[in-house]
Amino acid sequence: MPGELRTHSVVVGNVCCGVPAEDVSYLLGRLCEWLNGPDFQASEGSVIGMETVYAILRAVVAHLYLAWGSPIW
């Protein structure tokens, strides 16, 4: 279901297994902490509009992390 965390195991082909379902919530929380942490924040006194640049960067990084082989899905 869209918007809900999975509660079952997943395998892609016979090659890649996702993390156990019981770890998904924790790992997704860690991803959100990282994306909302200091690595993706504009520094004080930075150019106006940098908050928008960092928001776009967070979106791109999150998408790539999930689409390019994150074991969370």
C-alpha atoms as a PDB file:
ATOM      1  CA  MET A   1       0.000   0.000   0.000  1.00  0.00           C
ATOM      2  CA  PRO A   2       1.369   3.435  -0.881  1.00  0.00           C
ATOM      3  CA  GLY A   3       2.441   5.362   2.200  1.00  0.00           C
ATOM      4  CA  GLU A   4       2.771   2.279   4.388  1.00  0.00           C
ATOM      5  CA  LEU A   5       5.962   0.497   5.394  1.00  0.00           C
ATOM      6  CA  ARG A   6       6.256  -3.058   4.224  1.00  0.00           C
ATOM      7  CA  THR A   7       5.706  -5.879   6.693  1.00  0.00           C
ATOM      8  CA  HIS A   8       6.978  -8.743   4.551  1.00  0.00           C
ATOM      9  CA  SER A   9      10.237  -9.923   3.038  1.00  0.00           C
ATOM     10  CA  VAL A  10      11.231  -8.860  -0.460  1.00  0.00           C
ATOM     11  CA  VAL A  11      13.593 -10.387  -3.020  1.00  0.00           C
ATOM     12  CA  VAL A  12      14.514  -9.074  -6.457  1.00  0.00           C
ATOM     13  CA  GLY A  13      15.185 -12.035  -8.700  1.00  0.00           C
ATOM     14  CA  ASN A  14      17.368 -14.457  -6.782  1.00  0.00           C
ATOM     15  CA  VAL A  15      20.061 -11.870  -6.255  1.00  0.00           C
ATOM     16  CA  CYS A  16      19.058  -9.076  -3.905  1.00  0.00           C
ATOM     17  CA  CYS A  17      17.165  -9.320  -0.648  1.00  0.00           C
ATOM     18  CA  GLY A  18      15.791  -6.337   1.200  1.00  0.00           C
ATOM     19  CA  VAL A  19      16.416  -5.865   4.888  1.00  0.00           C
ATOM     20  CA  PRO A  20      14.137  -7.731   7.268  1.00  0.00           C
ATOM     21  CA  ALA A  21      10.741  -6.063   7.530  1.00  0.00           C
ATOM     22  CA  GLU A  22      11.245  -5.396  11.241  1.00  0.00           C
ATOM     23  CA  ASP A  23      14.262  -3.172  10.428  1.00  0.00           C
ATOM     24  CA  VAL A  24      12.558  -0.991   7.822  1.00  0.00           C
ATOM     25  CA  SER A  25      11.080   1.538  10.265  1.00  0.00           C
ATOM     26  CA  TYR A  26      14.390   2.019  12.088  1.00  0.00           C
ATOM     27  CA  LEU A  27      16.422   2.372   8.877  1.00  0.00           C
ATOM     28  CA  LEU A  28      13.938   4.782   7.332  1.00  0.00           C
ATOM     29  CA  GLY A  29      14.133   6.859  10.512  1.00  0.00           C
ATOM     30  CA  ARG A  30      17.927   6.918  10.254  1.00  0.00           C
ATOM     31  CA  LEU A  31      17.711   8.021   6.626  1.00  0.00           C
ATOM     32  CA  CYS A  32      15.381  10.874   7.609  1.00  0.00           C
ATOM     33  CA  GLU A  33      17.696  11.894  10.470  1.00  0.00           C
ATOM     34  CA  TRP A  34      20.636  12.019   8.060  1.00  0.00           C
ATOM     35  CA  LEU A  35      18.722  14.011   5.432  1.00  0.00           C
ATOM     36  CA  ASN A  36      17.519  16.495   8.063  1.00  0.00           C
ATOM     37  CA  GLY A  37      20.924  16.731   9.752  1.00  0.00           C
ATOM     38  CA  PRO A  38      23.776  19.182   9.314  1.00  0.00           C
ATOM     39  CA  ASP A  39      25.080  17.600   6.100  1.00  0.00           C
ATOM     40  CA  PHE A  40      22.087  19.008   4.217  1.00  0.00           C
ATOM     41  CA  GLN A  41      21.597  22.392   5.912  1.00  0.00           C
ATOM     42  CA  ALA A  42      22.578  25.768   4.526  1.00  0.00           C
ATOM     43  CA  SER A  43      25.100  27.496   6.763  1.00  0.00           C
ATOM     44  CA  GLU A  44      24.257  30.747   8.514  1.00  0.00           C
ATOM     45  CA  GLY A  45      24.944  33.737   6.352  1.00  0.00           C
ATOM     46  CA  SER A  46      24.738  31.737   3.126  1.00  0.00           C
ATOM     47  CA  VAL A  47      23.245  33.157  -0.038  1.00  0.00           C
ATOM     48  CA  ILE A  48      19.490  33.728  -0.029  1.00  0.00           C
ATOM     49  CA  GLY A  49      17.699  30.768  -1.574  1.00  0.00           C
ATOM     50  CA  MET A  50      20.203  28.153  -0.438  1.00  0.00           C
ATOM     51  CA  GLU A  51      17.484  26.521   1.675  1.00  0.00           C
ATOM     52  CA  THR A  52      15.716  25.681  -1.582  1.00  0.00           C
ATOM     53  CA  VAL A  53      18.905  24.303  -3.093  1.00  0.00           C
ATOM     54  CA  TYR A  54      19.422  22.060  -0.063  1.00  0.00           C
ATOM     55  CA  ALA A  55      15.791  20.909  -0.161  1.00  0.00           C
ATOM     56  CA  ILE A  56      16.251  19.839  -3.791  1.00  0.00           C
ATOM     57  CA  LEU A  57      19.544  18.157  -2.914  1.00  0.00           C
ATOM     58  CA  ARG A  58      17.838  16.206  -0.091  1.00  0.00           C
ATOM     59  CA  ALA A  59      15.126  15.053  -2.495  1.00  0.00           C
ATOM     60  CA  VAL A  60      17.673  13.904  -5.080  1.00  0.00           C
ATOM     61  CA  VAL A  61      19.825  12.088  -2.510  1.00  0.00           C
ATOM     62  CA  ALA A  62      16.795  10.376  -0.956  1.00  0.00           C
ATOM     63  CA  HIS A  63      15.579   9.231  -4.367  1.00  0.00           C
ATOM     64  CA  LEU A  64      18.985   7.901  -5.383  1.00  0.00           C
ATOM     65  CA  TYR A  65      19.475   6.150  -2.055  1.00  0.00           C
ATOM     66  CA  LEU A  66      16.148   4.355  -2.366  1.00  0.00           C
ATOM     67  CA  ALA A  67      16.298   3.690  -6.121  1.00  0.00           C
ATOM     68  CA  TRP A  68      19.944   2.610  -6.442  1.00  0.00           C
ATOM     69  CA  GLY A  69      20.033  -0.373  -4.230  1.00  0.00           C
ATOM     70  CA  SER A  70      19.066   0.671  -0.757  1.00  0.00           C
ATOM     71  CA  PRO A  71      18.088  -2.437   1.158  1.00  0.00           C
ATOM     72  CA  ILE A  72      15.142  -0.608   2.728  1.00  0.00           C
ATOM     73  CA  TRP A  73      12.637  -1.093  -0.065  1.00  0.00           C
END
